[in-house]
Amino acid sequence: MSDQGSAENLQASGIEEKTQKDKVAYETYQRTLAEAKKAKAERDVLLAEKQAMSDNKLKEQNEWKKFAEQKEKEAAEEKAKRAELESTILDSLKLSAFQKLLGGKIKDDAYFQFVDTDRITYNPETKRVDEESVKSVVADFVKRHSGLVEFKSGKMPNEAASNVTIGSKNIEDMTALEIEQHIKALHSRGML
């Protein structure tokens, strides 16, 4: 029983030591935590004071105004450049659609100034030029400035068949005998 009693005493004293160590460790933790919070609060106060001093210095020197004005000026310049570029691209799209429907070629690039691109509508959602508005502008341009346009004319009779191929040969490269044989073959098949 004495062994058992001393074992219980040892066990009880071990538990007490452990709880005391835990209490000491917890107390140390609490103290360290409080010191850390205090140090963080002091740091925050110092940072706020430093920022306030920096702001005051800038206000006194009016440098922040100059900096802000410079940035606003740069932003306005960039915005103007972008708007000009977008306008140029849009006019290019409109003129391209105009040329496609013109049915001829404008004699000189200087005459493009007479094209009323403001009447040609553009849909930014579909990113397409409205074909009906282009047709209207083309009709008005041809009506008013037909002398500025070289219209395509039909091919002359001797040029009409210049791009026709028979089999793998271009008709211009064939002899009269080869053409005659081809025509007879078509006639015998009932194709002519």
C-alpha atoms as a PDB file:
ATOM      1  CA  MET A   1       0.000   0.000   0.000  1.00  0.00           C
ATOM      2  CA  SER A   2       2.856   2.290   0.625  1.00  0.00           C
ATOM      3  CA  ASP A   3       4.076   1.629  -2.890  1.00  0.00           C
ATOM      4  CA  GLN A   4       0.692   2.383  -4.188  1.00  0.00           C
ATOM      5  CA  GLY A   5       0.392   5.528  -2.058  1.00  0.00           C
ATOM      6  CA  SER A   6       3.771   6.809  -3.180  1.00  0.00           C
ATOM      7  CA  ALA A   7       2.858   6.049  -6.792  1.00  0.00           C
ATOM      8  CA  GLU A   8      -0.322   8.053  -6.391  1.00  0.00           C
ATOM      9  CA  ASN A   9       1.635  10.892  -4.791  1.00  0.00           C
ATOM     10  CA  LEU A  10       4.109  10.848  -7.669  1.00  0.00           C
ATOM     11  CA  GLN A  11       1.289  10.801 -10.171  1.00  0.00           C
ATOM     12  CA  ALA A  12      -0.535  13.653  -8.383  1.00  0.00           C
ATOM     13  CA  SER A  13       2.649  15.715  -8.133  1.00  0.00           C
ATOM     14  CA  GLY A  14       3.303  15.076 -11.878  1.00  0.00           C
ATOM     15  CA  ILE A  15      -0.157  16.365 -12.725  1.00  0.00           C
ATOM     16  CA  GLU A  16       0.377  19.419 -10.549  1.00  0.00           C
ATOM     17  CA  GLU A  17       3.719  20.130 -12.202  1.00  0.00           C
ATOM     18  CA  LYS A  18       2.151  19.743 -15.632  1.00  0.00           C
ATOM     19  CA  THR A  19      -0.707  22.114 -14.803  1.00  0.00           C
ATOM     20  CA  GLN A  20       1.749  24.575 -13.312  1.00  0.00           C
ATOM     21  CA  LYS A  21       3.846  24.375 -16.471  1.00  0.00           C
ATOM     22  CA  ASP A  22       0.672  24.855 -18.525  1.00  0.00           C
ATOM     23  CA  LYS A  23      -0.291  27.828 -16.430  1.00  0.00           C
ATOM     24  CA  VAL A  24       3.128  29.330 -16.791  1.00  0.00           C
ATOM     25  CA  ALA A  25       3.091  28.701 -20.512  1.00  0.00           C
ATOM     26  CA  TYR A  26      -0.427  30.176 -20.821  1.00  0.00           C
ATOM     27  CA  GLU A  27       0.567  33.179 -18.746  1.00  0.00           C
ATOM     28  CA  THR A  28       3.648  33.644 -20.916  1.00  0.00           C
ATOM     29  CA  TYR A  29       1.438  33.336 -24.016  1.00  0.00           C
ATOM     30  CA  GLN A  30      -0.971  35.957 -22.669  1.00  0.00           C
ATOM     31  CA  ARG A  31       1.854  38.338 -21.841  1.00  0.00           C
ATOM     32  CA  THR A  32       3.504  37.832 -25.251  1.00  0.00           C
ATOM     33  CA  LEU A  33       0.185  38.306 -27.009  1.00  0.00           C
ATOM     34  CA  ALA A  34      -0.474  41.518 -25.103  1.00  0.00           C
ATOM     35  CA  GLU A  35       3.009  42.812 -25.967  1.00  0.00           C
ATOM     36  CA  ALA A  36       2.489  41.938 -29.641  1.00  0.00           C
ATOM     37  CA  LYS A  37      -0.851  43.748 -29.726  1.00  0.00           C
ATOM     38  CA  LYS A  38       0.712  46.766 -28.068  1.00  0.00           C
ATOM     39  CA  ALA A  39       3.635  46.755 -30.527  1.00  0.00           C
ATOM     40  CA  LYS A  40       1.216  46.470 -33.489  1.00  0.00           C
ATOM     41  CA  ALA A  41      -0.861  49.374 -32.181  1.00  0.00           C
ATOM     42  CA  GLU A  42       2.290  51.488 -31.763  1.00  0.00           C
ATOM     43  CA  ARG A  43       3.407  50.560 -35.288  1.00  0.00           C
ATOM     44  CA  ASP A  44       0.001  51.533 -36.729  1.00  0.00           C
ATOM     45  CA  VAL A  45       0.165  54.890 -34.940  1.00  0.00           C
ATOM     46  CA  LEU A  46       3.685  55.512 -36.265  1.00  0.00           C
ATOM     47  CA  LEU A  47       2.648  54.594 -39.822  1.00  0.00           C
ATOM     48  CA  ALA A  48      -0.364  56.911 -39.650  1.00  0.00           C
ATOM     49  CA  GLU A  49       1.840  59.749 -38.365  1.00  0.00           C
ATOM     50  CA  LYS A  50       4.381  59.108 -41.125  1.00  0.00           C
ATOM     51  CA  GLN A  51       1.648  59.163 -43.800  1.00  0.00           C
ATOM     52  CA  ALA A  52       0.205  62.375 -42.350  1.00  0.00           C
ATOM     53  CA  MET A  53       3.649  64.004 -42.397  1.00  0.00           C
ATOM     54  CA  SER A  54       4.179  62.877 -45.991  1.00  0.00           C
ATOM     55  CA  ASP A  55       0.764  64.244 -47.026  1.00  0.00           C
ATOM     56  CA  ASN A  56       1.454  67.542 -45.285  1.00  0.00           C
ATOM     57  CA  LYS A  57       4.816  67.821 -47.012  1.00  0.00           C
ATOM     58  CA  LEU A  58       3.179  67.252 -50.406  1.00  0.00           C
ATOM     59  CA  LYS A  59       0.446  69.752 -49.640  1.00  0.00           C
ATOM     60  CA  GLU A  60       3.025  72.314 -48.659  1.00  0.00           C
ATOM     61  CA  GLN A  61       5.009  71.764 -51.813  1.00  0.00           C
ATOM     62  CA  ASN A  62       1.937  71.462 -54.080  1.00  0.00           C
ATOM     63  CA  GLU A  63       3.692  68.585 -55.830  1.00  0.00           C
ATOM     64  CA  TRP A  64       0.661  66.349 -55.600  1.00  0.00           C
ATOM     65  CA  LYS A  65      -1.323  68.936 -57.559  1.00  0.00           C
ATOM     66  CA  LYS A  66       1.281  69.025 -60.290  1.00  0.00           C
ATOM     67  CA  PHE A  67       1.426  65.241 -60.371  1.00  0.00           C
ATOM     68  CA  ALA A  68      -2.376  64.924 -60.539  1.00  0.00           C
ATOM     69  CA  GLU A  69      -2.609  67.568 -63.267  1.00  0.00           C
ATOM     70  CA  GLN A  70       0.118  65.839 -65.263  1.00  0.00           C
ATOM     71  CA  LYS A  71      -1.680  62.477 -65.013  1.00  0.00           C
ATOM     72  CA  GLU A  72      -4.997  64.048 -66.046  1.00  0.00           C
ATOM     73  CA  LYS A  73      -3.316  65.687 -69.042  1.00  0.00           C
ATOM     74  CA  GLU A  74      -1.705  62.379 -70.095  1.00  0.00           C
ATOM     75  CA  ALA A  75      -5.042  60.572 -69.746  1.00  0.00           C
ATOM     76  CA  ALA A  76      -6.801  63.213 -71.873  1.00  0.00           C
ATOM     77  CA  GLU A  77      -4.111  62.945 -74.580  1.00  0.00           C
ATOM     78  CA  GLU A  78      -4.400  59.151 -74.656  1.00  0.00           C
ATOM     79  CA  LYS A  79      -8.179  59.383 -74.841  1.00  0.00           C
ATOM     80  CA  ALA A  80      -7.960  61.816 -77.765  1.00  0.00           C
ATOM     81  CA  LYS A  81      -5.474  59.574 -79.611  1.00  0.00           C
ATOM     82  CA  ARG A  82      -7.713  56.555 -79.094  1.00  0.00           C
ATOM     83  CA  ALA A  83     -10.811  58.409 -80.300  1.00  0.00           C
ATOM     84  CA  GLU A  84      -8.941  59.588 -83.409  1.00  0.00           C
ATOM     85  CA  LEU A  85      -7.727  56.061 -84.144  1.00  0.00           C
ATOM     86  CA  GLU A  86     -11.224  54.611 -83.685  1.00  0.00           C
ATOM     87  CA  SER A  87     -12.633  57.293 -86.000  1.00  0.00           C
ATOM     88  CA  THR A  88     -10.027  56.517 -88.656  1.00  0.00           C
ATOM     89  CA  ILE A  89     -10.765  52.800 -88.477  1.00  0.00           C
ATOM     90  CA  LEU A  90     -14.502  53.407 -88.674  1.00  0.00           C
ATOM     91  CA  ASP A  91     -14.121  55.706 -91.705  1.00  0.00           C
ATOM     92  CA  SER A  92     -11.914  53.079 -93.334  1.00  0.00           C
ATOM     93  CA  LEU A  93     -14.589  50.415 -92.840  1.00  0.00           C
ATOM     94  CA  LYS A  94     -17.245  52.715 -94.275  1.00  0.00           C
ATOM     95  CA  LEU A  95     -15.123  53.645 -97.314  1.00  0.00           C
ATOM     96  CA  SER A  96     -14.306  49.995 -97.934  1.00  0.00           C
ATOM     97  CA  ALA A  97     -18.013  49.125 -97.992  1.00  0.00           C
ATOM     98  CA  PHE A  98     -18.608  52.146-100.247  1.00  0.00           C
ATOM     99  CA  GLN A  99     -15.958  51.018-102.747  1.00  0.00           C
ATOM    100  CA  LYS A 100     -17.319  47.482-102.786  1.00  0.00           C
ATOM    101  CA  LEU A 101     -20.778  48.669-103.853  1.00  0.00           C
ATOM    102  CA  LEU A 102     -19.652  51.521-106.131  1.00  0.00           C
ATOM    103  CA  GLY A 103     -19.326  49.380-109.247  1.00  0.00           C
ATOM    104  CA  GLY A 104     -16.261  51.248-110.394  1.00  0.00           C
ATOM    105  CA  LYS A 105     -13.128  52.938-109.178  1.00  0.00           C
ATOM    106  CA  ILE A 106     -12.750  56.512-108.001  1.00  0.00           C
ATOM    107  CA  LYS A 107     -10.259  58.186-110.349  1.00  0.00           C
ATOM    108  CA  ASP A 108      -8.169  59.841-107.643  1.00  0.00           C
ATOM    109  CA  ASP A 109      -7.917  59.262-103.884  1.00  0.00           C
ATOM    110  CA  ALA A 110      -8.481  62.984-103.319  1.00  0.00           C
ATOM    111  CA  TYR A 111     -12.083  62.506-104.464  1.00  0.00           C
ATOM    112  CA  PHE A 112     -12.896  60.354-101.438  1.00  0.00           C
ATOM    113  CA  GLN A 113     -13.491  63.594 -99.563  1.00  0.00           C
ATOM    114  CA  PHE A 114     -16.793  63.881-101.429  1.00  0.00           C
ATOM    115  CA  VAL A 115     -18.099  60.616 -99.940  1.00  0.00           C
ATOM    116  CA  ASP A 116     -20.561  61.374 -97.141  1.00  0.00           C
ATOM    117  CA  THR A 117     -19.369  58.781 -94.593  1.00  0.00           C
ATOM    118  CA  ASP A 118     -21.514  60.367 -91.870  1.00  0.00           C
ATOM    119  CA  ARG A 119     -24.624  58.975 -93.579  1.00  0.00           C
ATOM    120  CA  ILE A 120     -23.200  55.444 -93.596  1.00  0.00           C
ATOM    121  CA  THR A 121     -24.297  53.747 -90.379  1.00  0.00           C
ATOM    122  CA  TYR A 122     -22.215  51.310 -88.383  1.00  0.00           C
ATOM    123  CA  ASN A 123     -23.575  48.873 -85.811  1.00  0.00           C
ATOM    124  CA  PRO A 124     -20.987  48.431 -83.024  1.00  0.00           C
ATOM    125  CA  GLU A 125     -22.759  45.326 -81.682  1.00  0.00           C
ATOM    126  CA  THR A 126     -22.488  43.387 -84.939  1.00  0.00           C
ATOM    127  CA  LYS A 127     -19.391  45.319 -86.049  1.00  0.00           C
ATOM    128  CA  ARG A 128     -20.844  45.709 -89.521  1.00  0.00           C
ATOM    129  CA  VAL A 129     -21.677  48.592 -91.811  1.00  0.00           C
ATOM    130  CA  ASP A 130     -25.354  48.875 -92.782  1.00  0.00           C
ATOM    131  CA  GLU A 131     -25.580  47.924 -96.450  1.00  0.00           C
ATOM    132  CA  GLU A 132     -28.738  49.941 -97.129  1.00  0.00           C
ATOM    133  CA  SER A 133     -27.127  53.165 -95.953  1.00  0.00           C
ATOM    134  CA  VAL A 134     -24.096  52.406 -98.128  1.00  0.00           C
ATOM    135  CA  LYS A 135     -26.344  51.854-101.164  1.00  0.00           C
ATOM    136  CA  SER A 136     -28.011  55.197-100.541  1.00  0.00           C
ATOM    137  CA  VAL A 137     -24.677  57.023-100.260  1.00  0.00           C
ATOM    138  CA  VAL A 138     -23.352  55.286-103.401  1.00  0.00           C
ATOM    139  CA  ALA A 139     -26.473  56.272-105.359  1.00  0.00           C
ATOM    140  CA  ASP A 140     -26.161  59.920-104.266  1.00  0.00           C
ATOM    141  CA  PHE A 141     -22.423  59.975-105.013  1.00  0.00           C
ATOM    142  CA  VAL A 142     -22.899  58.560-108.507  1.00  0.00           C
ATOM    143  CA  LYS A 143     -25.738  60.992-109.131  1.00  0.00           C
ATOM    144  CA  ARG A 144     -23.694  64.032-108.073  1.00  0.00           C
ATOM    145  CA  HIS A 145     -20.128  63.019-108.954  1.00  0.00           C
ATOM    146  CA  SER A 146     -20.343  60.418-111.734  1.00  0.00           C
ATOM    147  CA  GLY A 147     -17.427  62.079-113.527  1.00  0.00           C
ATOM    148  CA  LEU A 148     -15.117  61.135-110.648  1.00  0.00           C
ATOM    149  CA  VAL A 149     -15.731  57.411-111.126  1.00  0.00           C
ATOM    150  CA  GLU A 150     -14.297  55.038-113.717  1.00  0.00           C
ATOM    151  CA  PHE A 151     -17.006  52.452-114.188  1.00  0.00           C
ATOM    152  CA  LYS A 152     -16.119  48.935-115.187  1.00  0.00           C
ATOM    153  CA  SER A 153     -17.084  48.200-118.719  1.00  0.00           C
ATOM    154  CA  GLY A 154     -17.828  44.797-120.192  1.00  0.00           C
ATOM    155  CA  LYS A 155     -15.127  42.878-121.986  1.00  0.00           C
ATOM    156  CA  MET A 156     -14.619  43.345-125.641  1.00  0.00           C
ATOM    157  CA  PRO A 157     -15.561  40.372-127.816  1.00  0.00           C
ATOM    158  CA  ASN A 158     -11.973  39.387-128.422  1.00  0.00           C
ATOM    159  CA  GLU A 159     -11.352  39.369-124.618  1.00  0.00           C
ATOM    160  CA  ALA A 160     -14.520  37.533-123.659  1.00  0.00           C
ATOM    161  CA  ALA A 161     -13.120  34.022-123.671  1.00  0.00           C
ATOM    162  CA  SER A 162      -9.621  34.807-122.481  1.00  0.00           C
ATOM    163  CA  ASN A 163     -10.039  33.157-119.106  1.00  0.00           C
ATOM    164  CA  VAL A 164     -12.015  30.054-120.200  1.00  0.00           C
ATOM    165  CA  THR A 165     -10.407  26.667-119.656  1.00  0.00           C
ATOM    166  CA  ILE A 166     -11.256  23.443-121.384  1.00  0.00           C
ATOM    167  CA  GLY A 167     -10.045  20.423-119.509  1.00  0.00           C
ATOM    168  CA  SER A 168      -6.697  21.487-118.145  1.00  0.00           C
ATOM    169  CA  LYS A 169      -5.855  23.972-120.927  1.00  0.00           C
ATOM    170  CA  ASN A 170      -6.671  27.664-121.169  1.00  0.00           C
ATOM    171  CA  ILE A 171      -8.551  28.400-124.393  1.00  0.00           C
ATOM    172  CA  GLU A 172      -5.925  30.952-125.406  1.00  0.00           C
ATOM    173  CA  ASP A 173      -3.293  28.204-125.396  1.00  0.00           C
ATOM    174  CA  MET A 174      -5.332  25.855-127.617  1.00  0.00           C
ATOM    175  CA  THR A 175      -5.029  25.667-131.388  1.00  0.00           C
ATOM    176  CA  ALA A 176      -8.027  26.156-133.659  1.00  0.00           C
ATOM    177  CA  LEU A 177      -7.989  22.413-134.426  1.00  0.00           C
ATOM    178  CA  GLU A 178      -8.163  21.507-130.710  1.00  0.00           C
ATOM    179  CA  ILE A 179     -11.068  23.892-130.163  1.00  0.00           C
ATOM    180  CA  GLU A 180     -12.885  22.484-133.232  1.00  0.00           C
ATOM    181  CA  GLN A 181     -12.389  18.899-131.975  1.00  0.00           C
ATOM    182  CA  HIS A 182     -13.747  19.859-128.548  1.00  0.00           C
ATOM    183  CA  ILE A 183     -16.833  21.459-130.100  1.00  0.00           C
ATOM    184  CA  LYS A 184     -17.477  18.352-132.255  1.00  0.00           C
ATOM    185  CA  ALA A 185     -17.150  16.145-129.164  1.00  0.00           C
ATOM    186  CA  LEU A 186     -19.684  18.263-127.280  1.00  0.00           C
ATOM    187  CA  HIS A 187     -22.032  18.172-130.298  1.00  0.00           C
ATOM    188  CA  SER A 188     -21.779  14.381-130.625  1.00  0.00           C
ATOM    189  CA  ARG A 189     -22.680  13.989-126.929  1.00  0.00           C
ATOM    190  CA  GLY A 190     -25.742  16.170-127.502  1.00  0.00           C
ATOM    191  CA  MET A 191     -24.483  18.970-125.293  1.00  0.00           C
ATOM    192  CA  LEU A 192     -24.696  21.548-128.084  1.00  0.00           C
END
